Amino acid sequence: ACSSGCPQASMAKAAQPKSKEAKAKAATSGGKGKKKKWSKGKVKEKLQNLVLFDKNTYEKLLADIPKNKLITPSIVSEKLKVNGSLARKAVKELLSKGLTRVVDHHHAQSIYTRASH
C-alpha cells in the first residue's frame, strides 16, 4: 500500500467519471470570454468640390495650370477643388486653346504638359 502522497493514489481520484450535469456545466462555462467587437473602419473624408466653374476658379485655371510641367485631371481637381469630370473637361479646353499638349492618353488617365512655343 501507499500513503496519500503517492502519485498512483491521486490518479485514481482524477479518473472518476463526471456526471452529465457536470460535463454540461463545464462546456457552457468555458469559452473565450467576451465576444470580439467589430471596428467601425476608417471613414474617408468627403470632399466638397465644385461641380461648375465660378469666375475666380476659371481664371485660376487659365492662369496657373498651363504653367505646370505635369497636368492631369487629378492635379486640376486637387488644386482647383473641382470634381473629376469638370477637371477632365477643363484639361480638354486648355488643349483646344493651345495652352497644353498631350504627353500620353490612356483610357483611365490623360497626361499633359505645358505647350512649349
Foldseek 3Di string as FASTA:
>chain_A
DDDCVDPVNVVVVVPDDDDPVVVVVVVVVDDDPDDDDDDPDDDDDDADAAADDDPVLLVCLVPPQLVAFKQKLVVSCVPSRHDSVVSVVSVVVCVVVVQWAWDDDDPVITIIGGRDD
